[in-house]
Amino acid sequence: MSSQQQLSLNVFESMEKLLDEATTVGPGATVEYFRAVAYALGAQMAVVGERDKMPDFINIVVSELSSGVEVGMLTTHGIKCKLDAEIHAVKRY
C-alpha cells in the first residue's frame, strides 16, 4: 500500500469513528457532524489552496464527494446513481 493510500485509509477510518459516535447521539448529531466536516474541509482547503485555482480544487473535492455518495448508495441501499456538480467560479464579495 502506498503512503497516499494509507493516508486515505486513515482519514476514512477516523471519519468513520467520528460518524459512529455522532450516530449514537442521534439524528441531529449526525447532521451537525456533516456540517462540521464540511466547514473544516472548506477551511483546510482555503489554507492550502491557491486562490486562482480554487474552483478547480473545489471541483476535485466535489467530484470525490459525488463518487463516495454513488458508492455508498450502491453498497448500502443497492441504488445505482450518478451525481454531477461543477464549480465555475468563486467570487469575492
N, C-alpha and C. Protein backbone atom coordinates (compact mmCIF):
# COMPACT_ATOMS: atom_id res chain seq x y z
N MET A 1 0.85 -1.17 0.00
CA MET A 1 0.00 0.00 0.00
C MET A 1 0.89 1.24 0.00
N SER A 2 0.57 2.17 -0.89
CA SER A 2 1.35 3.41 -0.97
C SER A 2 1.04 4.30 0.22
N SER A 3 1.88 5.29 0.44
CA SER A 3 1.66 6.21 1.56
C SER A 3 0.38 7.03 1.34
N GLN A 4 0.06 7.36 0.08
CA GLN A 4 -1.19 8.09 -0.19
C GLN A 4 -2.41 7.22 0.09
N GLN A 5 -2.32 5.94 -0.27
CA GLN A 5 -3.43 5.03 0.02
C GLN A 5 -3.60 4.85 1.52
N GLN A 6 -2.49 4.77 2.25
CA GLN A 6 -2.56 4.63 3.70
C GLN A 6 -3.16 5.87 4.33
N LEU A 7 -2.78 7.04 3.83
CA LEU A 7 -3.34 8.29 4.34
C LEU A 7 -4.86 8.32 4.11
N SER A 8 -5.28 7.94 2.90
CA SER A 8 -6.72 7.91 2.59
C SER A 8 -7.45 6.96 3.52
N LEU A 9 -6.87 5.80 3.77
CA LEU A 9 -7.49 4.83 4.68
C LEU A 9 -7.57 5.38 6.10
N ASN A 10 -6.51 6.03 6.56
CA ASN A 10 -6.51 6.62 7.90
C ASN A 10 -7.58 7.69 8.04
N VAL A 11 -7.71 8.54 7.04
CA VAL A 11 -8.73 9.60 7.06
C VAL A 11 -10.12 8.96 7.11
N PHE A 12 -10.36 7.97 6.24
CA PHE A 12 -11.66 7.32 6.19
C PHE A 12 -12.00 6.67 7.53
N GLU A 13 -11.05 5.96 8.11
CA GLU A 13 -11.30 5.29 9.39
C GLU A 13 -11.54 6.28 10.51
N SER A 14 -10.81 7.39 10.53
CA SER A 14 -11.01 8.41 11.56
C SER A 14 -12.39 9.04 11.43
N MET A 15 -12.79 9.35 10.19
CA MET A 15 -14.10 9.95 9.98
C MET A 15 -15.21 8.96 10.31
N GLU A 16 -15.00 7.70 9.98
CA GLU A 16 -16.00 6.68 10.29
C GLU A 16 -16.21 6.55 11.80
N LYS A 17 -15.12 6.64 12.55
CA LYS A 17 -15.23 6.56 14.01
C LYS A 17 -16.03 7.75 14.55
N LEU A 18 -15.74 8.96 14.05
CA LEU A 18 -16.48 10.14 14.49
C LEU A 18 -17.95 10.06 14.10
N LEU A 19 -18.24 9.54 12.91
CA LEU A 19 -19.62 9.39 12.48
C LEU A 19 -20.34 8.38 13.37
N ASP A 20 -19.67 7.29 13.71
CA ASP A 20 -20.28 6.29 14.61
C ASP A 20 -20.64 6.92 15.95
N GLU A 21 -19.74 7.76 16.47
CA GLU A 21 -20.00 8.45 17.73
C GLU A 21 -21.20 9.38 17.60
N ALA A 22 -21.28 10.12 16.49
CA ALA A 22 -22.41 11.03 16.28
C ALA A 22 -23.71 10.25 16.13
N THR A 23 -23.65 9.12 15.46
CA THR A 23 -24.84 8.29 15.25
C THR A 23 -25.43 7.82 16.57
N THR A 24 -24.58 7.53 17.54
CA THR A 24 -25.09 7.07 18.84
C THR A 24 -25.80 8.18 19.60
N VAL A 25 -25.44 9.44 19.30
CA VAL A 25 -26.09 10.58 19.96
C VAL A 25 -27.47 10.83 19.39
N GLY A 26 -27.62 10.68 18.06
CA GLY A 26 -28.93 10.87 17.44
C GLY A 26 -28.85 11.58 16.12
N PRO A 27 -30.00 11.68 15.42
CA PRO A 27 -30.03 12.27 14.07
C PRO A 27 -29.51 13.70 14.01
N GLY A 28 -29.83 14.51 14.98
CA GLY A 28 -29.32 15.88 14.99
C GLY A 28 -27.81 15.94 15.05
N ALA A 29 -27.22 15.00 15.76
CA ALA A 29 -25.77 14.96 15.88
C ALA A 29 -25.11 14.56 14.57
N THR A 30 -25.77 13.71 13.79
CA THR A 30 -25.18 13.33 12.51
C THR A 30 -25.22 14.51 11.53
N VAL A 31 -26.29 15.27 11.56
CA VAL A 31 -26.36 16.46 10.71
C VAL A 31 -25.26 17.44 11.12
N GLU A 32 -25.10 17.66 12.42
CA GLU A 32 -24.05 18.56 12.91
C GLU A 32 -22.66 18.04 12.56
N TYR A 33 -22.48 16.73 12.61
CA TYR A 33 -21.20 16.11 12.22
C TYR A 33 -20.87 16.49 10.77
N PHE A 34 -21.83 16.33 9.86
CA PHE A 34 -21.56 16.65 8.45
C PHE A 34 -21.34 18.14 8.24
N ARG A 35 -22.04 18.98 8.99
CA ARG A 35 -21.78 20.42 8.91
C ARG A 35 -20.36 20.73 9.36
N ALA A 36 -19.95 20.13 10.45
CA ALA A 36 -18.61 20.37 10.98
C ALA A 36 -17.54 19.86 10.01
N VAL A 37 -17.77 18.70 9.42
CA VAL A 37 -16.82 18.15 8.45
C VAL A 37 -16.72 19.08 7.24
N ALA A 38 -17.85 19.54 6.73
CA ALA A 38 -17.85 20.43 5.56
C ALA A 38 -17.12 21.74 5.87
N TYR A 39 -17.39 22.30 7.04
CA TYR A 39 -16.74 23.56 7.43
C TYR A 39 -15.23 23.36 7.57
N ALA A 40 -14.84 22.31 8.26
CA ALA A 40 -13.41 22.04 8.47
C ALA A 40 -12.71 21.78 7.15
N LEU A 41 -13.34 21.03 6.28
CA LEU A 41 -12.75 20.74 4.97
C LEU A 41 -12.59 22.03 4.17
N GLY A 42 -13.61 22.86 4.17
CA GLY A 42 -13.52 24.13 3.46
C GLY A 42 -12.42 25.02 4.01
N ALA A 43 -12.31 25.09 5.32
CA ALA A 43 -11.27 25.91 5.94
C ALA A 43 -9.88 25.38 5.59
N GLN A 44 -9.71 24.07 5.64
CA GLN A 44 -8.41 23.48 5.29
C GLN A 44 -8.08 23.72 3.82
N MET A 45 -9.08 23.61 2.96
CA MET A 45 -8.85 23.88 1.54
C MET A 45 -8.41 25.32 1.31
N ALA A 46 -9.04 26.25 2.03
CA ALA A 46 -8.69 27.66 1.89
C ALA A 46 -7.26 27.93 2.33
N VAL A 47 -6.82 27.22 3.36
CA VAL A 47 -5.46 27.41 3.87
C VAL A 47 -4.41 26.93 2.87
N VAL A 48 -4.64 25.77 2.27
CA VAL A 48 -3.61 25.19 1.40
C VAL A 48 -3.83 25.47 -0.08
N GLY A 49 -5.03 25.90 -0.47
CA GLY A 49 -5.34 26.11 -1.89
C GLY A 49 -4.88 27.46 -2.39
N GLU A 50 -4.64 27.51 -3.69
CA GLU A 50 -4.30 28.77 -4.33
C GLU A 50 -5.59 29.45 -4.76
N ARG A 51 -5.68 30.74 -4.49
CA ARG A 51 -6.92 31.49 -4.76
C ARG A 51 -7.41 31.33 -6.19
N ASP A 52 -6.51 31.47 -7.16
CA ASP A 52 -6.90 31.40 -8.56
C ASP A 52 -7.29 30.00 -9.00
N LYS A 53 -6.86 29.00 -8.26
CA LYS A 53 -7.17 27.62 -8.62
C LYS A 53 -8.27 27.01 -7.75
N MET A 54 -8.91 27.84 -6.93
CA MET A 54 -9.92 27.34 -6.01
C MET A 54 -11.10 26.66 -6.72
N PRO A 55 -11.63 27.19 -7.83
CA PRO A 55 -12.72 26.46 -8.49
C PRO A 55 -12.32 25.03 -8.90
N ASP A 56 -11.11 24.87 -9.43
CA ASP A 56 -10.64 23.53 -9.80
C ASP A 56 -10.48 22.65 -8.56
N PHE A 57 -9.96 23.23 -7.49
CA PHE A 57 -9.76 22.50 -6.24
C PHE A 57 -11.12 22.02 -5.69
N ILE A 58 -12.10 22.93 -5.70
CA ILE A 58 -13.44 22.57 -5.22
C ILE A 58 -14.04 21.48 -6.11
N ASN A 59 -13.84 21.59 -7.42
CA ASN A 59 -14.37 20.57 -8.33
C ASN A 59 -13.79 19.19 -8.04
N ILE A 60 -12.51 19.12 -7.73
CA ILE A 60 -11.87 17.84 -7.38
C ILE A 60 -12.54 17.26 -6.14
N VAL A 61 -12.72 18.09 -5.13
CA VAL A 61 -13.32 17.62 -3.87
C VAL A 61 -14.78 17.22 -4.07
N VAL A 62 -15.53 18.03 -4.80
CA VAL A 62 -16.95 17.71 -5.05
C VAL A 62 -17.06 16.43 -5.88
N SER A 63 -16.17 16.25 -6.82
CA SER A 63 -16.18 15.03 -7.63
C SER A 63 -15.95 13.80 -6.76
N GLU A 64 -15.00 13.88 -5.84
CA GLU A 64 -14.74 12.76 -4.93
C GLU A 64 -15.91 12.55 -3.98
N LEU A 65 -16.52 13.63 -3.52
CA LEU A 65 -17.71 13.53 -2.67
C LEU A 65 -18.82 12.80 -3.43
N SER A 66 -19.03 13.19 -4.68
CA SER A 66 -20.05 12.53 -5.51
C SER A 66 -19.75 11.05 -5.68
N SER A 67 -18.49 10.72 -5.93
CA SER A 67 -18.10 9.31 -6.08
C SER A 67 -18.39 8.53 -4.81
N GLY A 68 -18.10 9.14 -3.67
CA GLY A 68 -18.37 8.48 -2.39
C GLY A 68 -19.85 8.24 -2.17
N VAL A 69 -20.67 9.23 -2.53
CA VAL A 69 -22.13 9.06 -2.39
C VAL A 69 -22.61 7.95 -3.32
N GLU A 70 -22.11 7.93 -4.55
CA GLU A 70 -22.51 6.89 -5.50
C GLU A 70 -22.18 5.50 -4.96
N VAL A 71 -20.96 5.31 -4.46
CA VAL A 71 -20.56 4.01 -3.93
C VAL A 71 -21.36 3.67 -2.68
N GLY A 72 -21.55 4.64 -1.80
CA GLY A 72 -22.31 4.41 -0.59
C GLY A 72 -23.76 4.04 -0.87
N MET A 73 -24.39 4.72 -1.82
CA MET A 73 -25.77 4.40 -2.17
C MET A 73 -25.88 2.99 -2.75
N LEU A 74 -24.88 2.61 -3.54
CA LEU A 74 -24.91 1.28 -4.15
C LEU A 74 -24.67 0.19 -3.11
N THR A 75 -23.65 0.36 -2.29
CA THR A 75 -23.30 -0.69 -1.33
C THR A 75 -24.28 -0.76 -0.16
N THR A 76 -24.80 0.36 0.26
CA THR A 76 -25.69 0.38 1.42
C THR A 76 -27.16 0.14 1.05
N HIS A 77 -27.59 0.74 -0.06
CA HIS A 77 -29.01 0.71 -0.40
C HIS A 77 -29.31 -0.04 -1.70
N GLY A 78 -28.27 -0.46 -2.42
CA GLY A 78 -28.48 -1.15 -3.69
C GLY A 78 -28.99 -0.24 -4.79
N ILE A 79 -28.78 1.06 -4.63
CA ILE A 79 -29.27 2.04 -5.61
C ILE A 79 -28.10 2.58 -6.41
N LYS A 80 -28.18 2.43 -7.72
CA LYS A 80 -27.14 2.96 -8.59
C LYS A 80 -27.54 4.38 -8.98
N CYS A 81 -26.64 5.33 -8.78
CA CYS A 81 -26.94 6.71 -9.11
C CYS A 81 -25.71 7.38 -9.69
N LYS A 82 -25.90 8.52 -10.29
CA LYS A 82 -24.81 9.32 -10.84
C LYS A 82 -25.02 10.76 -10.41
N LEU A 83 -24.02 11.33 -9.76
CA LEU A 83 -24.09 12.73 -9.31
C LEU A 83 -23.05 13.54 -10.06
N ASP A 84 -23.45 14.69 -10.55
CA ASP A 84 -22.54 15.60 -11.22
C ASP A 84 -22.72 16.99 -10.66
N ALA A 85 -21.62 17.66 -10.40
CA ALA A 85 -21.65 19.05 -9.96
C ALA A 85 -20.36 19.71 -10.42
N GLU A 86 -20.44 20.97 -10.81
CA GLU A 86 -19.27 21.70 -11.25
C GLU A 86 -19.29 23.10 -10.66
N ILE A 87 -18.12 23.57 -10.24
CA ILE A 87 -17.93 24.93 -9.78
C ILE A 87 -17.19 25.68 -10.88
N HIS A 88 -17.75 26.77 -11.35
CA HIS A 88 -17.12 27.51 -12.45
C HIS A 88 -16.38 28.76 -11.97
N ALA A 89 -16.77 29.26 -10.81
CA ALA A 89 -16.12 30.47 -10.31
C ALA A 89 -16.34 30.60 -8.81
N VAL A 90 -15.41 31.24 -8.18
CA VAL A 90 -15.54 31.60 -6.78
C VAL A 90 -15.39 33.12 -6.75
N LYS A 91 -16.44 33.80 -6.28
CA LYS A 91 -16.43 35.26 -6.27
C LYS A 91 -16.16 35.78 -4.89
N ARG A 92 -15.43 36.86 -4.83
CA ARG A 92 -15.16 37.53 -3.57
C ARG A 92 -16.07 38.73 -3.46
N TYR A 93 -16.80 38.84 -2.34
CA TYR A 93 -17.71 39.96 -2.14
C TYR A 93 -17.18 40.85 -1.06
